[in-house]
């Protein structure tokens, strides 16, 4: 028995080391460029920096504020250590460092996902061991460690890996509570679920799981009073944790819910003429390498339903709810399959173990299945694709507009969000950061004069583009919509005039920025339009 336990400990240790290393390797090697980041990552990094400068309203995001606070603490710790060791003397030094070496911030934040994704694999193993046995936990952990979507989300600067960790820990504690191994763990279950909900509202889909778990825990020799008490404790503590982390849900509920409703509308109705295929969630799950997990998942549902064990039924209920709800959604699928993946893998792993025990599946066939799963995973490891339309706009501009250096228009995946300092610092409501904003900008432009260039006079700039003027420097604030085909057509029509006017007189220096929130751009422009 001791030898068996040592082997299990060795296996899970190897899986965890492999999980960490493959995500670290993906971070550096499998991306097209380490310094190109997804647009979501830009949002997370910048909102985290806003916390430091008191320019964020927690809770007014589709995600909870927990991840933003956590990353902000990490960045603030870096700032404090930089002051101790003489790297920074002021906030200005810190922000200039962000503009010049943003890869440091992205590396730190991505490493948070690497560590949390590795920890998630460990708790998947613990959950499988608690519900079934160590072999099931090991196999499920192995599946999750290799799956491409888990690899991608586990190496990006986003809240998804952190949310997944809290969801799996909450499920593990819930099963332990149901088994009465930890009689008072209803408190820990509630706190961890509150943290998961504070990281991403998606955790709400775990409520049916916990209702079943609490009912199963209290059905023997307890009575309805204990059941209602546990449900009340779970709801109250979870809500309290959520409100503490997201205070605007209590202070300004109308504004907070308005944000959620707007995001829900985005999820339900298509954007940018986006087409979608009904049941695409199912079709994605039926493609390699997810096909292996999906097939054994449905086999595992049969075994779990026959066993009539509440814990197993609660586990497969969560992915089924996701498949039913998100099959008709317009939002990106991978993120939501990612949250279901631990539970899909657990049920699938249990099915494989049961099939080997009843000799419907021998070890040779199981080895072949695992081998094919690994091969298909390897062929599906790839970096993200980028928007071709924005590249076309960028290439045309660089060919036709005179400049001192490369223009600062980037594709949909923005290198480090350099061009969004305005959206981080400039508070159009009280203008509290206006001086800091222009001080940082002036310092950066002095250090990088090649990024200024003489361009068109005022009457040639598109009338939908706002501008801020400050000390003989005009800052054009370009939004995401200005990189569509309309923007390309406008530049093509005015290319000759732009070249001609650039030769006349002394034009003001122009700094071009890109921000992604057109409404807020217009609000924060104090000097009008060109």
Protein backbone atom coordinates (compact mmCIF):
# COMPACT_ATOMS: atom_id res chain seq x y z
CA UNK A 1 0.00 0.00 0.00
CA UNK A 2 2.82 2.41 0.84
CA UNK A 3 4.54 1.56 -2.44
CA UNK A 4 1.31 2.24 -4.34
CA UNK A 5 0.90 5.58 -2.55
CA UNK A 6 4.47 6.53 -3.44
CA UNK A 7 3.84 5.70 -7.09
CA UNK A 8 0.69 7.85 -7.14
CA UNK A 9 2.59 10.74 -5.56
CA UNK A 10 5.34 10.34 -8.15
CA UNK A 11 2.85 10.29 -11.03
CA UNK A 12 0.98 13.40 -9.95
CA UNK A 13 4.29 15.18 -9.34
CA UNK A 14 5.42 14.34 -12.88
CA UNK A 15 2.09 15.54 -14.30
CA UNK A 16 2.35 18.82 -12.40
CA UNK A 17 5.94 19.41 -13.51
CA UNK A 18 4.96 18.61 -17.08
CA UNK A 19 1.92 20.91 -16.85
CA UNK A 20 4.06 23.80 -15.64
CA UNK A 21 6.84 23.29 -18.19
CA UNK A 22 4.57 22.88 -21.21
CA UNK A 23 2.74 26.12 -20.35
CA UNK A 24 6.01 27.91 -19.77
CA UNK A 25 7.29 26.59 -23.09
CA UNK A 26 4.12 27.70 -24.85
CA UNK A 27 4.57 31.13 -23.33
CA UNK A 28 7.96 31.54 -24.99
CA UNK A 29 8.11 29.21 -27.97
CA UNK A 30 4.74 28.52 -29.54
CA UNK A 31 3.48 32.07 -29.89
CA UNK A 32 4.31 33.79 -33.15
CA UNK A 33 5.82 36.67 -31.20
CA UNK A 34 6.20 36.80 -27.46
CA UNK A 35 5.64 40.55 -27.54
CA UNK A 36 2.32 40.32 -29.39
CA UNK A 37 -0.60 39.93 -27.03
CA UNK A 38 -4.28 39.23 -27.36
CA UNK A 39 -6.62 42.17 -26.99
CA UNK A 40 -8.18 40.61 -23.88
CA UNK A 41 -4.78 40.61 -22.23
CA UNK A 42 -4.43 44.32 -22.91
CA UNK A 43 -7.74 44.96 -21.15
CA UNK A 44 -6.71 42.92 -18.11
CA UNK A 45 -3.29 44.57 -17.81
CA UNK A 46 -4.60 48.09 -18.19
CA UNK A 47 -7.56 47.70 -15.85
CA UNK A 48 -5.16 46.27 -13.30
CA UNK A 49 -2.95 49.33 -13.67
CA UNK A 50 -5.99 51.56 -13.24
CA UNK A 51 -6.52 50.17 -9.76
CA UNK A 52 -3.10 51.54 -8.78
CA UNK A 53 -4.11 55.01 -9.99
CA UNK A 54 -7.65 54.87 -8.54
CA UNK A 55 -9.19 55.07 -11.97
CA UNK A 56 -11.30 51.91 -12.01
CA UNK A 57 -14.79 51.19 -10.74
CA UNK A 58 -14.73 47.61 -9.43
CA UNK A 59 -17.67 45.50 -10.48
CA UNK A 60 -18.44 47.41 -13.66
CA UNK A 61 -16.99 44.67 -15.81
CA UNK A 62 -18.42 41.50 -17.17
CA UNK A 63 -15.86 39.78 -14.95
CA UNK A 64 -15.64 40.30 -11.24
CA UNK A 65 -12.92 42.53 -9.88
CA UNK A 66 -10.95 39.86 -7.99
CA UNK A 67 -8.47 39.17 -10.77
CA UNK A 68 -7.89 42.89 -11.37
CA UNK A 69 -7.14 43.41 -7.69
CA UNK A 70 -4.81 40.44 -7.59
CA UNK A 71 -2.80 41.51 -10.63
CA UNK A 72 -2.77 45.11 -9.37
CA UNK A 73 -1.24 43.90 -6.11
CA UNK A 74 1.39 42.06 -8.13
CA UNK A 75 2.20 45.17 -10.17
CA UNK A 76 2.16 47.34 -7.07
CA UNK A 77 4.57 44.95 -5.36
CA UNK A 78 6.84 45.28 -8.39
CA UNK A 79 6.61 49.07 -8.07
CA UNK A 80 7.52 48.95 -4.35
CA UNK A 81 10.47 46.63 -5.00
CA UNK A 82 11.56 48.91 -7.83
CA UNK A 83 11.57 51.90 -5.47
CA UNK A 84 13.53 49.93 -2.86
CA UNK A 85 16.20 48.91 -5.37
CA UNK A 86 16.32 52.30 -7.11
CA UNK A 87 14.61 51.33 -10.36
CA UNK A 88 11.77 53.84 -9.86
CA UNK A 89 11.73 57.17 -8.08
CA UNK A 90 8.13 58.16 -8.87
CA UNK A 91 4.92 57.11 -10.56
CA UNK A 92 6.20 58.74 -13.74
CA UNK A 93 9.25 56.46 -13.79
CA UNK A 94 7.00 53.48 -13.28
CA UNK A 95 4.68 54.35 -16.18
CA UNK A 96 7.53 55.22 -18.51
CA UNK A 97 8.98 51.80 -17.68
CA UNK A 98 5.61 50.30 -18.62
CA UNK A 99 5.71 52.04 -21.99
CA UNK A 100 9.30 51.03 -22.69
CA UNK A 101 9.31 47.49 -21.25
CA UNK A 102 5.69 46.34 -21.10
CA UNK A 103 6.81 42.76 -21.68
CA UNK A 104 7.79 42.66 -17.99
CA UNK A 105 4.19 43.32 -16.95
CA UNK A 106 2.81 40.79 -19.39
CA UNK A 107 5.28 38.15 -18.34
CA UNK A 108 4.40 38.60 -14.66
CA UNK A 109 0.68 38.44 -15.35
CA UNK A 110 0.95 35.46 -17.66
CA UNK A 111 2.97 33.60 -15.06
CA UNK A 112 0.02 33.99 -12.67
CA UNK A 113 -2.05 31.96 -15.14
CA UNK A 114 0.73 29.39 -15.48
CA UNK A 115 0.83 28.81 -11.71
CA UNK A 116 -2.95 28.80 -11.27
CA UNK A 117 -3.41 26.41 -14.21
CA UNK A 118 -0.86 24.05 -12.66
CA UNK A 119 -2.64 24.24 -9.29
CA UNK A 120 -5.95 23.52 -11.05
CA UNK A 121 -4.54 20.25 -12.41
CA UNK A 122 -3.60 19.22 -8.87
CA UNK A 123 -7.10 19.89 -7.51
CA UNK A 124 -8.63 18.00 -10.44
CA UNK A 125 -6.59 15.04 -9.23
CA UNK A 126 -7.83 15.59 -5.67
CA UNK A 127 -11.45 15.87 -6.85
CA UNK A 128 -11.17 12.67 -8.87
CA UNK A 129 -9.62 10.87 -5.92
CA UNK A 130 -12.37 12.12 -3.60
CA UNK A 131 -15.21 11.01 -5.90
CA UNK A 132 -13.71 7.79 -7.27
CA UNK A 133 -10.03 6.86 -6.80
CA UNK A 134 -6.51 8.08 -7.45
CA UNK A 135 -6.32 6.48 -10.92
CA UNK A 136 -9.33 8.45 -12.10
CA UNK A 137 -7.88 11.65 -10.67
CA UNK A 138 -4.52 11.02 -12.35
CA UNK A 139 -6.06 10.33 -15.75
CA UNK A 140 -8.31 13.40 -15.58
CA UNK A 141 -5.36 15.57 -14.52
CA UNK A 142 -3.37 14.19 -17.45
CA UNK A 143 -6.16 15.06 -19.91
CA UNK A 144 -6.44 18.63 -18.67
CA UNK A 145 -2.68 19.15 -18.61
CA UNK A 146 -2.43 18.41 -22.34
CA UNK A 147 -5.62 19.82 -23.86
CA UNK A 148 -4.89 22.77 -26.20
CA UNK A 149 -7.60 25.08 -24.84
CA UNK A 150 -6.34 24.53 -21.29
CA UNK A 151 -2.81 25.22 -22.51
CA UNK A 152 -3.81 28.50 -24.17
CA UNK A 153 -5.94 29.81 -21.30
CA UNK A 154 -3.32 28.64 -18.81
CA UNK A 155 -0.65 30.86 -20.33
CA UNK A 156 -2.56 34.08 -21.02
CA UNK A 157 -3.01 37.16 -18.88
CA UNK A 158 -6.71 36.66 -18.19
CA UNK A 159 -9.09 35.76 -15.39
CA UNK A 160 -10.10 32.41 -16.85
CA UNK A 161 -7.33 30.26 -15.37
CA UNK A 162 -7.85 31.83 -11.94
CA UNK A 163 -11.61 31.34 -12.16
CA UNK A 164 -11.14 27.71 -13.11
CA UNK A 165 -8.92 27.15 -10.08
CA UNK A 166 -11.55 28.52 -7.67
CA UNK A 167 -14.33 26.55 -9.40
CA UNK A 168 -12.44 23.26 -9.07
CA UNK A 169 -11.42 23.95 -5.45
CA UNK A 170 -15.02 24.83 -4.58
CA UNK A 171 -16.22 21.59 -6.21
CA UNK A 172 -13.61 19.59 -4.30
CA UNK A 173 -14.59 21.18 -0.97
CA UNK A 174 -18.25 20.59 -1.81
CA UNK A 175 -17.65 16.88 -2.34
CA UNK A 176 -15.68 16.70 0.91
CA UNK A 177 -18.58 18.40 2.69
CA UNK A 178 -21.04 15.92 1.17
CA UNK A 179 -18.93 12.98 2.37
CA UNK A 180 -18.89 14.46 5.89
CA UNK A 181 -15.12 14.28 6.00
CA UNK A 182 -15.12 17.99 6.86
CA UNK A 183 -18.33 18.77 8.78
CA UNK A 184 -17.75 22.50 8.92
CA UNK A 185 -16.51 22.89 5.37
CA UNK A 186 -19.74 24.61 4.28
CA UNK A 187 -17.98 27.84 5.30
CA UNK A 188 -14.89 27.11 3.18
CA UNK A 189 -17.08 25.99 0.26
CA UNK A 190 -19.03 29.26 0.46
CA UNK A 191 -15.93 31.44 0.65
CA UNK A 192 -14.21 29.74 -2.29
CA UNK A 193 -17.37 29.85 -4.39
CA UNK A 194 -17.66 33.57 -3.57
CA UNK A 195 -14.09 34.02 -4.79
CA UNK A 196 -14.88 32.13 -8.00
CA UNK A 197 -17.93 34.32 -8.56
CA UNK A 198 -15.85 37.43 -7.85
CA UNK A 199 -13.41 36.35 -10.52
CA UNK A 200 -15.98 35.55 -13.22
CA UNK A 201 -19.77 35.61 -13.07
CA UNK A 202 -19.68 32.39 -15.06
CA UNK A 203 -19.34 30.57 -11.73
CA UNK A 204 -23.10 31.08 -11.31
CA UNK A 205 -23.55 27.97 -13.44
CA UNK A 206 -22.10 25.99 -10.53
CA UNK A 207 -25.17 26.70 -8.36
CA UNK A 208 -27.06 23.51 -9.43
CA UNK A 209 -23.96 21.52 -8.48
CA UNK A 210 -23.89 22.95 -4.96
CA UNK A 211 -27.65 22.58 -4.49
CA UNK A 212 -27.33 18.85 -5.20
CA UNK A 213 -24.24 18.53 -3.01
CA UNK A 214 -25.87 20.25 -0.01
CA UNK A 215 -29.07 18.22 -0.42
CA UNK A 216 -27.03 15.00 -0.54
CA UNK A 217 -25.04 16.01 2.54
CA UNK A 218 -28.15 16.75 4.64
CA UNK A 219 -30.52 14.02 3.53
CA UNK A 220 -29.33 11.45 6.11
CA UNK A 221 -30.46 11.96 9.72
CA UNK A 222 -30.46 15.74 9.41
CA UNK A 223 -33.93 16.93 8.47
CA UNK A 224 -35.09 19.97 6.46
CA UNK A 225 -34.01 22.52 9.06
CA UNK A 226 -30.33 21.65 8.60
CA UNK A 227 -30.76 21.69 4.82
CA UNK A 228 -32.28 25.18 4.82
CA UNK A 229 -29.63 26.38 7.27
CA UNK A 230 -26.79 25.14 5.04
CA UNK A 231 -28.35 26.68 1.94
CA UNK A 232 -28.77 29.99 3.77
CA UNK A 233 -25.17 29.92 5.06
CA UNK A 234 -23.85 29.07 1.59
CA UNK A 235 -25.85 31.84 -0.10
CA UNK A 236 -25.13 34.50 2.54
CA UNK A 237 -21.38 33.90 2.78
CA UNK A 238 -20.93 33.63 -1.00
CA UNK A 239 -22.87 36.85 -1.56
CA UNK A 240 -20.96 38.64 1.21
CA UNK A 241 -17.60 37.66 -0.28
CA UNK A 242 -18.79 38.78 -3.71
CA UNK A 243 -20.06 42.17 -2.48
CA UNK A 244 -16.88 42.86 -0.51
CA UNK A 245 -14.78 42.31 -3.63
CA UNK A 246 -17.29 44.00 -5.96
CA UNK A 247 -18.69 46.86 -3.80
CA UNK A 248 -20.37 48.63 -6.70
CA UNK A 249 -23.03 45.95 -6.79
CA UNK A 250 -24.16 47.32 -3.43
CA UNK A 251 -23.23 51.00 -3.86
CA UNK A 252 -24.42 51.50 -7.45
CA UNK A 253 -26.44 48.41 -8.40
CA UNK A 254 -28.20 50.01 -11.37
CA UNK A 255 -24.92 50.92 -13.07
CA UNK A 256 -23.41 47.52 -12.30
CA UNK A 257 -26.33 45.55 -13.67
CA UNK A 258 -26.47 47.80 -16.72
CA UNK A 259 -22.92 46.69 -17.50
CA UNK A 260 -23.83 43.02 -17.13
CA UNK A 261 -26.97 43.38 -19.28
CA UNK A 262 -24.94 45.08 -22.01
CA UNK A 263 -22.41 42.25 -22.01
CA UNK A 264 -25.19 39.66 -22.02
CA UNK A 265 -26.69 41.38 -25.06
CA UNK A 266 -23.30 41.08 -26.73
CA UNK A 267 -23.27 37.37 -25.95
CA UNK A 268 -26.77 36.72 -27.27
CA UNK A 269 -26.80 38.88 -30.41
CA UNK A 270 -24.09 38.74 -33.09
CA UNK A 271 -21.54 41.53 -33.52
CA UNK A 272 -19.76 42.88 -36.59
CA UNK A 273 -21.93 40.80 -38.93
CA UNK A 274 -20.67 37.69 -37.19
CA UNK A 275 -22.21 34.45 -38.37
CA UNK A 276 -22.51 31.39 -36.21
CA UNK A 277 -23.47 27.76 -36.52
CA UNK A 278 -26.10 26.39 -34.13
CA UNK A 279 -24.75 23.68 -31.86
CA UNK A 280 -21.17 24.72 -32.70
CA UNK A 281 -20.29 24.00 -29.07
CA UNK A 282 -21.17 20.36 -29.72
CA UNK A 283 -19.34 20.28 -33.04
CA UNK A 284 -16.20 21.65 -31.43
CA UNK A 285 -16.35 18.99 -28.73
CA UNK A 286 -16.64 16.32 -31.43
CA UNK A 287 -13.38 17.36 -33.10
CA UNK A 288 -9.99 15.91 -32.15
CA UNK A 289 -8.54 15.99 -29.56
CA UNK A 290 -11.76 16.79 -27.65
CA UNK A 291 -13.51 13.89 -29.40
CA UNK A 292 -11.81 11.39 -27.08
CA UNK A 293 -12.90 13.21 -23.94
CA UNK A 294 -16.42 13.85 -25.30
CA UNK A 295 -17.12 10.23 -26.25
CA UNK A 296 -15.98 8.85 -22.92
CA UNK A 297 -17.81 11.69 -21.17
CA UNK A 298 -21.15 10.46 -22.53
CA UNK A 299 -20.20 6.88 -21.66
CA UNK A 300 -19.30 8.12 -18.18
CA UNK A 301 -22.70 9.80 -17.82
CA UNK A 302 -24.29 6.37 -18.24
CA UNK A 303 -22.09 4.84 -15.54
CA UNK A 304 -22.63 7.79 -13.16
CA UNK A 305 -26.40 7.79 -13.69
CA UNK A 306 -26.55 4.06 -12.99
CA UNK A 307 -24.52 4.46 -9.81
CA UNK A 308 -27.06 7.05 -8.55
CA UNK A 309 -24.33 8.84 -6.66
CA UNK A 310 -25.25 12.49 -6.19
CA UNK A 311 -21.65 13.67 -6.42
CA UNK A 312 -21.12 12.07 -9.84
CA UNK A 313 -24.47 13.36 -11.12
CA UNK A 314 -23.61 16.88 -9.93
CA UNK A 315 -20.24 16.68 -11.69
CA UNK A 316 -21.67 15.84 -15.14
CA UNK A 317 -24.60 18.25 -14.70
CA UNK A 318 -22.29 21.26 -14.93
CA UNK A 319 -20.92 20.49 -18.46
CA UNK A 320 -24.38 19.50 -19.70
CA UNK A 321 -25.79 22.88 -18.64
CA UNK A 322 -22.94 24.58 -20.50
CA UNK A 323 -23.50 22.57 -23.66
CA UNK A 324 -27.24 23.34 -23.59
CA UNK A 325 -26.84 27.08 -22.97
CA UNK A 326 -23.77 28.02 -24.98
CA UNK A 327 -24.49 25.99 -28.10
CA UNK A 328 -26.54 28.94 -29.38
CA UNK A 329 -24.37 31.74 -28.00
CA UNK A 330 -22.46 34.22 -30.17
CA UNK A 331 -19.53 34.57 -27.80
CA UNK A 332 -16.18 32.82 -28.00
CA UNK A 333 -16.58 29.19 -27.11
CA UNK A 334 -13.16 28.13 -25.94
CA UNK A 335 -13.32 30.11 -22.71
CA UNK A 336 -16.52 28.43 -21.63
CA UNK A 337 -15.55 24.94 -22.68
CA UNK A 338 -12.38 25.62 -20.70
CA UNK A 339 -14.38 25.95 -17.48
CA UNK A 340 -16.23 22.71 -18.24
CA UNK A 341 -13.09 20.83 -19.21
CA UNK A 342 -12.12 19.61 -15.70
CA UNK A 343 -15.56 18.05 -15.23
CA UNK A 344 -15.66 16.60 -18.74
CA UNK A 345 -12.24 15.05 -18.10
CA UNK A 346 -13.25 13.61 -14.72
CA UNK A 347 -16.33 11.84 -16.08
CA UNK A 348 -14.38 10.64 -19.14
CA UNK A 349 -11.52 9.35 -16.98
CA UNK A 350 -13.96 7.48 -14.76
CA UNK A 351 -15.53 5.86 -17.83
CA UNK A 352 -12.13 4.65 -19.05
CA UNK A 353 -11.22 3.22 -15.65
CA UNK A 354 -14.60 1.45 -15.33
CA UNK A 355 -14.30 0.00 -18.85
CA UNK A 356 -10.88 -1.43 -18.02
CA UNK A 357 -12.22 -2.97 -14.81
CA UNK A 358 -15.11 -4.71 -16.54
CA UNK A 359 -12.70 -5.76 -19.31
CA UNK A 360 -14.55 -3.93 -22.06
CA UNK A 361 -11.36 -1.99 -22.66
CA UNK A 362 -7.97 -3.64 -22.22
CA UNK A 363 -4.78 -1.77 -21.37
CA UNK A 364 -3.51 -1.95 -24.96
CA UNK A 365 -6.61 -0.17 -26.28
CA UNK A 366 -6.49 2.35 -23.45
CA UNK A 367 -2.83 3.03 -24.26
CA UNK A 368 -3.71 3.52 -27.93
CA UNK A 369 -6.47 6.00 -27.02
CA UNK A 370 -4.12 7.99 -24.80
CA UNK A 371 -1.43 7.91 -27.51
CA UNK A 372 -3.84 9.24 -30.15
CA UNK A 373 -5.07 11.89 -27.71
CA UNK A 374 -1.50 13.10 -27.16
CA UNK A 375 -0.80 13.16 -30.92
CA UNK A 376 -3.95 15.15 -31.71
CA UNK A 377 -3.18 17.56 -28.88
CA UNK A 378 0.29 18.18 -30.31
CA UNK A 379 -1.12 18.89 -33.78
CA UNK A 380 -3.59 21.38 -32.31
CA UNK A 381 -0.99 23.46 -30.47
CA UNK A 382 -0.87 26.71 -32.38
CA UNK A 383 -0.66 30.41 -31.81
CA UNK A 384 -3.65 32.67 -32.26
CA UNK A 385 -4.55 34.08 -35.65
CA UNK A 386 -4.69 37.82 -36.08
CA UNK A 387 -7.10 40.05 -37.97
CA UNK A 388 -6.14 40.34 -41.65
CA UNK A 389 -8.24 43.49 -42.18
CA UNK A 390 -6.27 45.52 -39.66
CA UNK A 391 -2.99 44.33 -41.16
CA UNK A 392 -4.16 45.53 -44.59
CA UNK A 393 -4.94 48.97 -43.16
CA UNK A 394 -1.58 49.13 -41.41
CA UNK A 395 0.36 48.07 -44.53
CA UNK A 396 -1.39 50.59 -46.76
CA UNK A 397 -0.82 53.45 -44.32
CA UNK A 398 2.89 52.69 -44.02
CA UNK A 399 3.26 52.77 -47.81
CA UNK A 400 1.37 56.00 -48.46
CA UNK A 401 1.87 58.35 -45.52
CA UNK A 402 5.18 60.21 -45.00
CA UNK A 403 6.66 59.57 -41.60
CA UNK A 404 9.87 59.55 -39.63
CA UNK A 405 9.33 56.00 -38.43
CA UNK A 406 6.75 53.23 -38.42
CA UNK A 407 3.28 54.49 -37.68
CA UNK A 408 1.75 53.37 -34.39
CA UNK A 409 -1.23 51.58 -35.86
CA UNK A 410 -1.26 47.93 -34.93
CA UNK A 411 -3.51 44.97 -35.70
CA UNK A 412 -6.26 43.68 -33.44
CA UNK A 413 -3.64 42.14 -31.18
CA UNK A 414 -1.83 45.17 -29.85
CA UNK A 415 1.84 44.91 -28.88
CA UNK A 416 1.67 45.56 -25.17
CA UNK A 417 -0.97 48.26 -25.33
CA UNK A 418 1.62 51.02 -25.55
CA UNK A 419 -0.88 53.11 -27.42
CA UNK A 420 -3.46 52.99 -24.65
CA UNK A 421 -1.82 55.02 -21.93
CA UNK A 422 -4.63 57.54 -22.35
CA UNK A 423 -7.29 54.98 -21.43
CA UNK A 424 -5.29 53.94 -18.37
CA UNK A 425 -4.57 57.34 -16.87
CA UNK A 426 -6.82 60.03 -18.23
CA UNK A 427 -9.88 60.41 -16.00
CA UNK A 428 -12.31 62.62 -17.91
CA UNK A 429 -14.60 63.04 -14.89
CA UNK A 430 -12.29 64.77 -12.43
CA UNK A 431 -9.12 65.09 -14.59
CA UNK A 432 -7.16 64.02 -11.52
CA UNK A 433 -4.51 62.27 -13.60
CA UNK A 434 -4.20 64.83 -16.39
CA UNK A 435 -0.88 66.22 -15.16
CA UNK A 436 0.54 62.73 -14.61
CA UNK A 437 -0.64 61.66 -18.05
CA UNK A 438 1.08 64.48 -19.91
CA UNK A 439 4.20 64.24 -17.75
CA UNK A 440 4.60 60.59 -18.65
CA UNK A 441 3.85 61.28 -22.30
CA UNK A 442 6.39 64.12 -22.45
CA UNK A 443 9.09 61.98 -20.81
CA UNK A 444 8.41 59.13 -23.20
CA UNK A 445 8.43 61.32 -26.32
CA UNK A 446 11.70 62.94 -25.25
CA UNK A 447 13.27 59.50 -24.92
CA UNK A 448 11.75 58.30 -28.21
CA UNK A 449 11.64 61.29 -30.60
CA UNK A 450 11.58 58.97 -33.60
CA UNK A 451 7.98 58.15 -32.73
CA UNK A 452 6.83 61.70 -33.52
CA UNK A 453 6.13 62.58 -37.12
CA UNK A 454 4.80 65.46 -39.20
CA UNK A 455 1.51 64.59 -40.84
CA UNK A 456 -1.61 66.14 -42.29
CA UNK A 457 -3.14 69.50 -41.26
CA UNK A 458 -6.39 69.71 -39.38
CA UNK A 459 -8.89 69.81 -42.25
CA UNK A 460 -7.81 66.42 -43.58
CA UNK A 461 -8.42 64.40 -40.46
CA UNK A 462 -11.56 62.28 -40.41
CA UNK A 463 -14.26 64.14 -38.48
CA UNK A 464 -14.99 61.14 -36.26
CA UNK A 465 -11.49 61.18 -34.77
CA UNK A 466 -11.06 63.17 -31.52
CA UNK A 467 -7.89 65.06 -30.71
CA UNK A 468 -6.26 66.37 -27.56
CA UNK A 469 -3.91 69.35 -27.89
CA UNK A 470 -1.26 70.01 -25.28
CA UNK A 471 1.80 72.26 -25.57
CA UNK A 472 1.99 72.33 -29.39
CA UNK A 473 1.53 68.57 -29.65
CA UNK A 474 -1.67 67.21 -31.06
CA UNK A 475 -2.65 63.71 -30.01
CA UNK A 476 -4.98 61.91 -32.41
CA UNK A 477 -7.05 59.33 -30.57
CA UNK A 478 -7.91 56.53 -32.97
CA UNK A 479 -10.51 53.99 -31.95
CA UNK A 480 -10.88 50.41 -33.07
CA UNK A 481 -13.55 51.34 -35.62
CA UNK A 482 -11.09 53.65 -37.42
CA UNK A 483 -9.15 50.60 -38.62
CA UNK A 484 -12.04 49.10 -40.58
CA UNK A 485 -12.46 49.35 -44.34
CA UNK A 486 -14.03 52.79 -43.98
CA UNK A 487 -10.76 54.06 -42.54
CA UNK A 488 -8.76 52.43 -45.34
CA UNK A 489 -11.02 53.99 -47.99
CA UNK A 490 -10.70 57.41 -46.39
CA UNK A 491 -6.91 57.21 -46.41
CA UNK A 492 -6.86 56.08 -50.04
CA UNK A 493 -9.05 59.00 -51.10
CA UNK A 494 -6.87 61.57 -49.32
CA UNK A 495 -3.42 60.09 -49.91
CA UNK A 496 -2.38 62.70 -52.50
CA UNK A 497 -3.52 65.62 -50.36
CA UNK A 498 -1.78 64.20 -47.32
CA UNK A 499 1.52 63.99 -49.20
CA UNK A 500 1.08 67.50 -50.61
CA UNK A 501 0.15 69.26 -47.38
CA UNK A 502 2.95 67.59 -45.48
CA UNK A 503 5.43 69.67 -47.50
CA UNK A 504 4.01 73.05 -46.52
CA UNK A 505 5.01 75.11 -43.52
CA UNK A 506 5.52 73.97 -39.96
CA UNK A 507 2.93 71.43 -38.98
CA UNK A 508 2.38 70.46 -35.41
CA UNK A 509 3.90 67.26 -34.17
CA UNK A 510 1.30 64.53 -33.98
CA UNK A 511 1.23 61.51 -31.73
CA UNK A 512 -1.23 58.80 -32.79
CA UNK A 513 -2.87 56.67 -30.12
CA UNK A 514 -5.28 53.78 -30.32
CA UNK A 515 -7.94 53.14 -27.69
CA UNK A 516 -10.74 50.61 -27.80
CA UNK A 517 -13.65 52.49 -26.21
CA UNK A 518 -14.98 55.07 -28.69
CA UNK A 519 -17.60 56.46 -26.30
CA UNK A 520 -15.12 57.20 -23.55
CA UNK A 521 -12.74 58.72 -26.12
CA UNK A 522 -15.23 61.41 -27.00
CA UNK A 523 -15.96 62.16 -23.37
CA UNK A 524 -12.32 62.68 -22.47
CA UNK A 525 -11.46 65.07 -25.33
CA UNK A 526 -11.52 68.55 -23.87
CA UNK A 527 -10.40 70.60 -26.88
CA UNK A 528 -12.99 69.53 -29.44
CA UNK A 529 -12.63 67.99 -32.86
CA UNK A 530 -10.51 68.79 -35.86
